[in-house]
């Protein structure tokens, strides 16, 4: 695995870039993390780094919250989806 690995699990986006890609704010991404919905990688300096897989999950979370689902409901939905897909 090198610096230019294109795997979807490679942490590569800082919080401001991740928020822009998802269409939300860094504040909301931190709230999603506090709610246990996402666990980004951390650098040695404790900077959050999001992978492409994290971005996909964040987009799903953001879409659900925009439809009025609260964070507890989002967590349940994601857990059910993961069980159904066998993850």
N, C-alpha and C. Protein backbone atom coordinates (compact mmCIF):
# COMPACT_ATOMS: atom_id res chain seq x y z
N UNK A 1 0.84 -1.20 0.00
CA UNK A 1 0.00 0.00 0.00
C UNK A 1 0.87 1.24 0.00
N UNK A 2 0.71 2.02 -0.99
CA UNK A 2 1.49 3.24 -1.07
C UNK A 2 0.64 4.45 -0.87
N UNK A 3 1.27 5.58 -0.98
CA UNK A 3 0.59 6.85 -0.79
C UNK A 3 -0.55 7.03 -1.78
N UNK A 4 -0.42 6.45 -2.97
CA UNK A 4 -1.41 6.66 -4.00
C UNK A 4 -2.37 5.48 -4.14
N UNK A 5 -2.50 4.67 -3.11
CA UNK A 5 -3.43 3.55 -3.11
C UNK A 5 -4.84 4.07 -3.34
N UNK A 6 -5.58 3.42 -4.19
CA UNK A 6 -6.92 3.88 -4.52
C UNK A 6 -8.01 3.10 -3.79
N UNK A 7 -7.65 2.32 -2.77
CA UNK A 7 -8.62 1.56 -2.01
C UNK A 7 -9.61 2.46 -1.30
N UNK A 8 -10.84 1.98 -1.18
CA UNK A 8 -11.89 2.81 -0.58
C UNK A 8 -11.75 2.94 0.94
N UNK A 9 -10.87 2.14 1.55
CA UNK A 9 -10.68 2.22 2.99
C UNK A 9 -9.47 3.06 3.40
N UNK A 10 -8.76 3.63 2.44
CA UNK A 10 -7.58 4.43 2.74
C UNK A 10 -8.01 5.80 3.24
N UNK A 11 -7.63 6.16 4.48
CA UNK A 11 -7.98 7.48 5.00
C UNK A 11 -7.26 8.56 4.20
N UNK A 12 -8.01 9.55 3.70
CA UNK A 12 -7.37 10.53 2.85
C UNK A 12 -7.94 11.95 2.95
N UNK A 13 -9.12 12.13 3.54
CA UNK A 13 -9.74 13.45 3.55
C UNK A 13 -9.81 14.02 4.97
N UNK A 14 -9.33 15.25 5.14
CA UNK A 14 -9.49 15.93 6.43
C UNK A 14 -10.95 16.34 6.57
N UNK A 15 -11.35 16.71 7.76
CA UNK A 15 -12.76 16.94 8.06
C UNK A 15 -13.40 18.02 7.18
N UNK A 16 -12.67 19.08 6.89
CA UNK A 16 -13.26 20.15 6.07
C UNK A 16 -13.55 19.66 4.65
N UNK A 17 -12.66 18.87 4.09
CA UNK A 17 -12.86 18.32 2.75
C UNK A 17 -13.99 17.29 2.78
N UNK A 18 -13.99 16.43 3.79
CA UNK A 18 -15.06 15.43 3.92
C UNK A 18 -16.42 16.11 4.01
N UNK A 19 -16.52 17.15 4.82
CA UNK A 19 -17.79 17.87 4.96
C UNK A 19 -18.24 18.45 3.63
N UNK A 20 -17.31 19.01 2.88
CA UNK A 20 -17.64 19.57 1.57
C UNK A 20 -18.12 18.47 0.62
N UNK A 21 -17.45 17.32 0.63
CA UNK A 21 -17.84 16.21 -0.25
C UNK A 21 -19.23 15.68 0.08
N UNK A 22 -19.59 15.72 1.37
CA UNK A 22 -20.87 15.20 1.82
C UNK A 22 -21.98 16.24 1.69
N UNK A 23 -21.60 17.52 1.69
CA UNK A 23 -22.59 18.58 1.60
C UNK A 23 -23.12 18.98 2.96
N UNK A 24 -22.24 18.96 3.96
CA UNK A 24 -22.63 19.33 5.32
C UNK A 24 -21.49 20.11 5.96
N UNK A 25 -21.51 20.22 7.27
CA UNK A 25 -20.50 20.99 7.99
C UNK A 25 -19.61 20.07 8.83
N UNK A 26 -18.39 20.53 9.13
CA UNK A 26 -17.54 19.77 10.03
C UNK A 26 -18.21 19.55 11.40
N UNK A 27 -18.99 20.52 11.83
CA UNK A 27 -19.70 20.39 13.11
C UNK A 27 -20.63 19.17 13.10
N UNK A 28 -21.34 18.97 12.00
CA UNK A 28 -22.24 17.81 11.90
C UNK A 28 -21.46 16.51 11.86
N UNK A 29 -20.31 16.50 11.18
CA UNK A 29 -19.50 15.29 11.14
C UNK A 29 -19.01 14.91 12.53
N UNK A 30 -18.65 15.92 13.33
CA UNK A 30 -18.25 15.65 14.71
C UNK A 30 -19.43 15.10 15.52
N UNK A 31 -20.62 15.62 15.27
CA UNK A 31 -21.82 15.12 15.96
C UNK A 31 -22.10 13.67 15.58
N UNK A 32 -21.93 13.34 14.31
CA UNK A 32 -22.12 11.96 13.86
C UNK A 32 -21.12 11.03 14.56
N UNK A 33 -19.90 11.53 14.74
CA UNK A 33 -18.88 10.74 15.43
C UNK A 33 -19.25 10.55 16.91
N UNK A 34 -19.68 11.62 17.56
CA UNK A 34 -20.09 11.52 18.97
C UNK A 34 -21.26 10.55 19.15
N UNK A 35 -22.13 10.48 18.15
CA UNK A 35 -23.29 9.57 18.21
C UNK A 35 -22.91 8.13 17.88
N UNK A 36 -21.65 7.90 17.52
CA UNK A 36 -21.20 6.55 17.22
C UNK A 36 -21.55 6.07 15.82
N UNK A 37 -21.83 7.01 14.92
CA UNK A 37 -22.23 6.65 13.56
C UNK A 37 -21.04 6.48 12.62
N UNK A 38 -19.92 7.06 12.97
CA UNK A 38 -18.72 7.03 12.12
C UNK A 38 -17.49 7.08 13.03
N UNK A 39 -16.45 6.42 12.61
CA UNK A 39 -15.19 6.43 13.37
C UNK A 39 -14.04 6.65 12.39
N UNK A 40 -13.75 7.91 12.09
CA UNK A 40 -12.67 8.18 11.14
C UNK A 40 -11.31 7.77 11.73
N UNK A 41 -10.37 7.52 10.84
CA UNK A 41 -8.99 7.27 11.28
C UNK A 41 -8.43 8.56 11.87
N UNK A 42 -7.36 8.44 12.62
CA UNK A 42 -6.70 9.61 13.20
C UNK A 42 -5.21 9.57 12.88
N UNK A 43 -4.64 10.73 12.65
CA UNK A 43 -3.20 10.84 12.46
C UNK A 43 -2.54 10.83 13.84
N UNK A 44 -1.22 10.80 13.85
CA UNK A 44 -0.50 10.89 15.11
C UNK A 44 -0.81 12.20 15.84
N UNK A 45 -1.15 13.23 15.07
CA UNK A 45 -1.51 14.52 15.64
C UNK A 45 -3.00 14.62 15.97
N UNK A 46 -3.72 13.51 15.90
CA UNK A 46 -5.14 13.41 16.24
C UNK A 46 -6.07 14.11 15.24
N UNK A 47 -5.62 14.29 14.02
CA UNK A 47 -6.45 14.88 12.97
C UNK A 47 -7.29 13.76 12.35
N UNK A 48 -8.59 14.02 12.20
CA UNK A 48 -9.49 13.04 11.60
C UNK A 48 -9.20 12.91 10.10
N UNK A 49 -9.19 11.67 9.62
CA UNK A 49 -9.04 11.39 8.20
C UNK A 49 -10.13 10.42 7.78
N UNK A 50 -10.87 10.80 6.75
CA UNK A 50 -12.00 10.01 6.26
C UNK A 50 -11.63 9.30 4.97
N UNK A 51 -12.06 8.05 4.84
CA UNK A 51 -11.83 7.27 3.62
C UNK A 51 -13.02 7.45 2.67
N UNK A 52 -12.88 6.91 1.48
CA UNK A 52 -14.00 6.94 0.53
C UNK A 52 -15.20 6.18 1.09
N UNK A 53 -14.94 5.06 1.80
CA UNK A 53 -16.04 4.30 2.41
C UNK A 53 -16.73 5.15 3.49
N UNK A 54 -15.93 5.91 4.25
CA UNK A 54 -16.51 6.83 5.25
C UNK A 54 -17.39 7.88 4.57
N UNK A 55 -16.94 8.40 3.44
CA UNK A 55 -17.71 9.42 2.72
C UNK A 55 -19.04 8.83 2.27
N UNK A 56 -19.04 7.61 1.77
CA UNK A 56 -20.29 6.95 1.36
C UNK A 56 -21.24 6.84 2.55
N UNK A 57 -20.70 6.40 3.69
CA UNK A 57 -21.52 6.26 4.90
C UNK A 57 -22.04 7.61 5.36
N UNK A 58 -21.20 8.63 5.32
CA UNK A 58 -21.62 9.97 5.72
C UNK A 58 -22.72 10.51 4.81
N UNK A 59 -22.64 10.23 3.54
CA UNK A 59 -23.70 10.66 2.62
C UNK A 59 -25.01 9.98 2.96
N UNK A 60 -24.95 8.70 3.34
CA UNK A 60 -26.17 7.97 3.74
C UNK A 60 -26.74 8.59 5.03
N UNK A 61 -25.87 8.85 6.00
CA UNK A 61 -26.29 9.46 7.26
C UNK A 61 -26.93 10.82 7.00
N UNK A 62 -26.26 11.62 6.18
CA UNK A 62 -26.76 12.96 5.88
C UNK A 62 -28.11 12.90 5.18
N UNK A 63 -28.28 11.97 4.25
CA UNK A 63 -29.56 11.83 3.54
C UNK A 63 -30.67 11.46 4.52
N UNK A 64 -30.39 10.56 5.44
CA UNK A 64 -31.41 10.16 6.42
C UNK A 64 -31.78 11.31 7.34
N UNK A 65 -30.79 12.06 7.81
CA UNK A 65 -31.10 13.17 8.71
C UNK A 65 -31.86 14.27 7.98
N UNK A 66 -31.57 14.47 6.70
CA UNK A 66 -32.31 15.47 5.93
C UNK A 66 -33.77 15.07 5.73
N UNK A 67 -34.05 13.78 5.83
CA UNK A 67 -35.43 13.29 5.75
C UNK A 67 -36.13 13.32 7.10
N UNK A 68 -35.42 13.80 8.13
CA UNK A 68 -36.04 13.95 9.44
C UNK A 68 -35.76 12.83 10.42
N UNK A 69 -34.89 11.89 10.07
CA UNK A 69 -34.55 10.80 10.98
C UNK A 69 -33.53 11.33 11.99
N UNK A 70 -33.80 11.10 13.30
CA UNK A 70 -32.84 11.55 14.30
C UNK A 70 -31.65 10.59 14.33
N UNK A 71 -30.58 10.98 15.05
CA UNK A 71 -29.34 10.20 15.02
C UNK A 71 -29.51 8.80 15.60
N UNK A 72 -30.36 8.65 16.61
CA UNK A 72 -30.62 7.32 17.16
C UNK A 72 -31.30 6.44 16.10
N UNK A 73 -32.22 7.03 15.35
CA UNK A 73 -32.90 6.30 14.28
C UNK A 73 -31.94 5.95 13.16
N UNK A 74 -31.04 6.87 12.83
CA UNK A 74 -30.04 6.61 11.80
C UNK A 74 -29.18 5.43 12.21
N UNK A 75 -28.79 5.40 13.48
CA UNK A 75 -27.94 4.30 13.97
C UNK A 75 -28.65 2.96 13.81
N UNK A 76 -29.92 2.92 14.16
CA UNK A 76 -30.70 1.67 14.00
C UNK A 76 -30.81 1.26 12.54
N UNK A 77 -31.09 2.20 11.68
CA UNK A 77 -31.22 1.91 10.25
C UNK A 77 -29.91 1.37 9.70
N UNK A 78 -28.80 2.01 10.05
CA UNK A 78 -27.51 1.56 9.55
C UNK A 78 -27.17 0.16 10.07
N UNK A 79 -27.48 -0.09 11.33
CA UNK A 79 -27.23 -1.42 11.90
C UNK A 79 -28.05 -2.49 11.17
N UNK A 80 -29.31 -2.19 10.89
CA UNK A 80 -30.16 -3.14 10.18
C UNK A 80 -29.65 -3.37 8.76
N UNK A 81 -29.23 -2.30 8.08
CA UNK A 81 -28.69 -2.43 6.73
C UNK A 81 -27.42 -3.27 6.72
N UNK A 82 -26.57 -3.07 7.73
CA UNK A 82 -25.33 -3.84 7.80
C UNK A 82 -25.61 -5.32 8.07
N UNK A 83 -26.57 -5.62 8.93
CA UNK A 83 -26.94 -7.01 9.19
C UNK A 83 -27.49 -7.66 7.94
N UNK A 84 -28.31 -6.92 7.22
CA UNK A 84 -28.91 -7.45 5.99
C UNK A 84 -27.85 -7.72 4.92
N UNK A 85 -26.84 -6.87 4.86
CA UNK A 85 -25.80 -7.04 3.83
C UNK A 85 -24.69 -7.97 4.29
N UNK A 86 -24.73 -8.39 5.55
CA UNK A 86 -23.74 -9.33 6.06
C UNK A 86 -22.41 -8.72 6.46
N UNK A 87 -22.38 -7.42 6.72
CA UNK A 87 -21.13 -6.76 7.14
C UNK A 87 -20.90 -6.91 8.60
